[in-house]
Amino acid sequence: MKRLLLTCLLVLVATSAAWGMNLRQGFGKYRYGESCDTMFAKPSFAVERARPLWNAQLQMFGLAYDPDTVAKSPFILHYDRDEKPEFDGVPLNRIYYGCNKDSGRFSLVVLVHDLLSVGKLVEKVTAELGSPTTTTMIQTIWALPDLYVQIDQVYMIVYDRRAGKI
């Protein structure tokens, strides 16, 4: 009985350590609201030239690469060159950590994935956050009071709404 209890406890600890924390708190080992100056100070971190922009008309995020458009984004994206990215067992191409330019705080995550991962990502997020708010052929969105999650064919974007308006 003790062995079974100990085994269950170890599995639970290992699972929660791999997950890091739930999406409402942050992503991986990073909490929303933390200072980006300290979080991304390691030499393995780099700044991505793309920037996320909120499209108020479509009520969704997009990534922009055009220098004039990039300047309008309230975010700066950082990524760890040494990271082996994954989301709860789903392999990813890259994870970008978004920092608000004004506050210098972590408030957004962009996960770059392949088309085959969409179903698994939707399943994982639905298990954590419940049914999506909106589902279309190309997007699944959770528009919650504290969190906005958008999964499309290439990106999963998570924004902590407590960080401010977009």
Protein backbone atom coordinates (compact mmCIF):
# COMPACT_ATOMS: atom_id res chain seq x y z
CA MET A 1 0.00 0.00 0.00
CA LYS A 2 2.82 2.39 0.89
CA ARG A 3 4.58 1.58 -2.38
CA LEU A 4 1.45 2.31 -4.38
CA LEU A 5 0.93 5.60 -2.58
CA LEU A 6 4.58 6.57 -3.04
CA THR A 7 4.46 5.64 -6.74
CA CYS A 8 1.29 7.72 -7.27
CA LEU A 9 2.88 10.65 -5.47
CA LEU A 10 6.04 10.45 -7.59
CA VAL A 11 4.00 10.33 -10.82
CA LEU A 12 1.97 13.33 -9.69
CA VAL A 13 5.10 15.33 -8.80
CA ALA A 14 6.83 14.41 -12.08
CA THR A 15 3.75 15.35 -14.10
CA SER A 16 3.31 18.71 -12.40
CA ALA A 17 7.04 19.47 -12.70
CA ALA A 18 6.98 18.77 -16.44
CA TRP A 19 3.90 20.95 -16.89
CA GLY A 20 5.39 23.71 -14.76
CA MET A 21 2.17 25.51 -13.87
CA ASN A 22 -1.26 25.94 -15.31
CA LEU A 23 -1.90 28.39 -18.14
CA ARG A 24 -3.66 30.84 -15.81
CA GLN A 25 -0.44 31.30 -13.78
CA GLY A 26 2.19 31.37 -16.50
CA PHE A 27 3.99 29.09 -18.89
CA GLY A 28 6.61 26.48 -18.01
CA LYS A 29 8.77 27.91 -15.27
CA TYR A 30 7.82 31.55 -15.95
CA ARG A 31 4.99 33.34 -14.13
CA TYR A 32 2.95 36.09 -15.73
CA GLY A 33 3.92 39.48 -14.34
CA GLU A 34 7.57 38.59 -13.72
CA SER A 35 10.23 41.06 -14.79
CA CYS A 36 11.58 40.24 -18.24
CA ASP A 37 14.94 41.81 -17.41
CA THR A 38 15.67 39.02 -14.96
CA MET A 39 13.79 36.20 -16.69
CA PHE A 40 15.52 36.48 -20.04
CA ALA A 41 18.98 37.64 -19.02
CA LYS A 42 20.70 34.31 -19.82
CA PRO A 43 23.06 34.35 -22.83
CA SER A 44 20.98 31.65 -24.53
CA PHE A 45 18.05 34.06 -24.92
CA ALA A 46 17.61 36.13 -28.07
CA VAL A 47 15.08 38.70 -29.27
CA GLU A 48 12.79 37.73 -32.15
CA ARG A 49 12.19 40.32 -34.87
CA ALA A 50 8.49 39.43 -35.26
CA ARG A 51 5.95 41.01 -32.93
CA PRO A 52 2.40 40.02 -32.00
CA LEU A 53 -0.33 42.50 -32.87
CA TRP A 54 -3.93 42.48 -31.73
CA ASN A 55 -6.47 42.92 -34.53
CA ALA A 56 -9.44 44.59 -32.83
CA GLN A 57 -11.71 44.05 -35.83
CA LEU A 58 -11.05 40.30 -36.03
CA GLN A 59 -10.56 39.94 -32.25
CA MET A 60 -7.37 37.89 -32.65
CA PHE A 61 -3.60 38.07 -32.58
CA GLY A 62 -1.34 37.92 -35.60
CA LEU A 63 2.43 38.06 -35.97
CA ALA A 64 3.97 40.91 -37.95
CA TYR A 65 7.44 41.09 -39.50
CA ASP A 66 7.18 44.41 -41.34
CA PRO A 67 9.36 46.98 -39.48
CA ASP A 68 6.69 49.71 -39.58
CA THR A 69 4.03 47.37 -38.25
CA VAL A 70 6.37 45.78 -35.69
CA ALA A 71 6.96 49.22 -34.15
CA LYS A 72 3.23 49.40 -33.26
CA SER A 73 3.27 46.20 -31.20
CA PRO A 74 3.21 46.58 -27.42
CA PHE A 75 5.31 43.41 -27.07
CA ILE A 76 8.87 42.19 -27.48
CA LEU A 77 9.38 38.46 -28.03
CA HIS A 78 12.27 36.51 -26.50
CA TYR A 79 13.25 32.91 -27.14
CA ASP A 80 15.75 30.48 -25.69
CA ARG A 81 18.05 29.12 -28.40
CA ASP A 82 18.89 26.08 -26.22
CA GLU A 83 15.32 25.17 -25.29
CA LYS A 84 13.78 21.88 -26.46
CA PRO A 85 10.23 23.21 -26.72
CA GLU A 86 7.16 21.20 -25.85
CA PHE A 87 3.73 21.78 -24.32
CA ASP A 88 2.55 19.00 -22.03
CA GLY A 89 4.17 16.34 -24.22
CA VAL A 90 3.32 17.98 -27.56
CA PRO A 91 6.54 18.85 -29.43
CA LEU A 92 6.87 22.44 -30.66
CA ASN A 93 9.15 24.23 -33.10
CA ARG A 94 9.78 27.23 -30.83
CA ILE A 95 8.39 29.13 -27.84
CA TYR A 96 8.43 32.94 -27.80
CA TYR A 97 7.95 34.69 -24.47
CA GLY A 98 6.27 38.07 -24.83
CA CYS A 99 7.10 41.04 -22.66
CA ASN A 100 5.08 44.22 -22.50
CA LYS A 101 7.25 47.12 -23.74
CA ASP A 102 5.80 49.60 -21.23
CA SER A 103 5.86 47.51 -18.06
CA GLY A 104 8.73 45.14 -18.88
CA ARG A 105 6.62 42.26 -17.56
CA PHE A 106 5.98 38.81 -19.00
CA SER A 107 2.38 38.56 -20.26
CA LEU A 108 2.23 36.55 -23.50
CA VAL A 109 3.46 33.26 -24.99
CA VAL A 110 3.61 32.28 -28.67
CA LEU A 111 4.04 28.57 -29.35
CA VAL A 112 5.05 27.67 -32.89
CA HIS A 113 3.77 24.22 -33.86
CA ASP A 114 3.03 22.14 -36.93
CA LEU A 115 -0.42 21.45 -38.37
CA LEU A 116 -0.46 17.90 -37.01
CA SER A 117 -0.22 19.20 -33.42
CA VAL A 118 -3.37 21.34 -33.54
CA GLY A 119 -5.73 18.59 -32.36
CA LYS A 120 -3.48 17.63 -29.46
CA LEU A 121 -3.05 21.26 -28.38
CA VAL A 122 -6.81 21.90 -28.49
CA GLU A 123 -7.37 18.74 -26.45
CA LYS A 124 -4.80 19.77 -23.79
CA VAL A 125 -6.13 23.33 -23.47
CA THR A 126 -9.75 22.14 -23.38
CA ALA A 127 -8.87 19.76 -20.55
CA GLU A 128 -7.44 22.67 -18.57
CA LEU A 129 -9.72 25.60 -19.48
CA GLY A 130 -12.96 23.92 -20.56
CA SER A 131 -14.80 24.31 -23.84
CA PRO A 132 -13.54 26.98 -26.24
CA THR A 133 -15.43 30.24 -26.67
CA THR A 134 -15.15 30.18 -30.48
CA THR A 135 -14.26 27.46 -32.96
CA THR A 136 -13.84 27.93 -36.70
CA MET A 137 -12.23 25.82 -39.42
CA ILE A 138 -8.85 27.43 -38.77
CA GLN A 139 -8.99 28.65 -35.16
CA THR A 140 -9.99 27.70 -31.66
CA ILE A 141 -10.26 30.54 -29.14
CA TRP A 142 -10.79 30.78 -25.40
CA ALA A 143 -11.72 34.37 -24.51
CA LEU A 144 -11.84 34.21 -20.72
CA PRO A 145 -11.89 37.10 -18.24
CA ASP A 146 -8.28 36.48 -17.17
CA LEU A 147 -6.81 34.70 -20.20
CA TYR A 148 -7.00 34.72 -23.99
CA VAL A 149 -5.86 31.59 -25.85
CA GLN A 150 -5.80 31.30 -29.63
CA ILE A 151 -4.81 28.13 -31.49
CA ASP A 152 -4.53 28.28 -35.25
CA GLN A 153 -2.70 26.24 -37.86
CA VAL A 154 0.78 27.51 -36.94
CA TYR A 155 0.62 29.37 -33.60
CA MET A 156 -0.83 28.97 -30.14
CA ILE A 157 -0.92 32.36 -28.43
CA VAL A 158 -1.65 32.77 -24.74
CA TYR A 159 -2.19 36.27 -23.32
CA ASP A 160 -2.62 37.10 -19.66
CA ARG A 161 -5.42 39.71 -19.70
CA ARG A 162 -4.48 40.86 -16.19
CA ALA A 163 -1.43 42.47 -17.77
CA GLY A 164 -3.65 45.13 -19.36
CA LYS A 165 -5.71 45.81 -22.43
CA ILE A 166 -4.52 44.84 -25.88
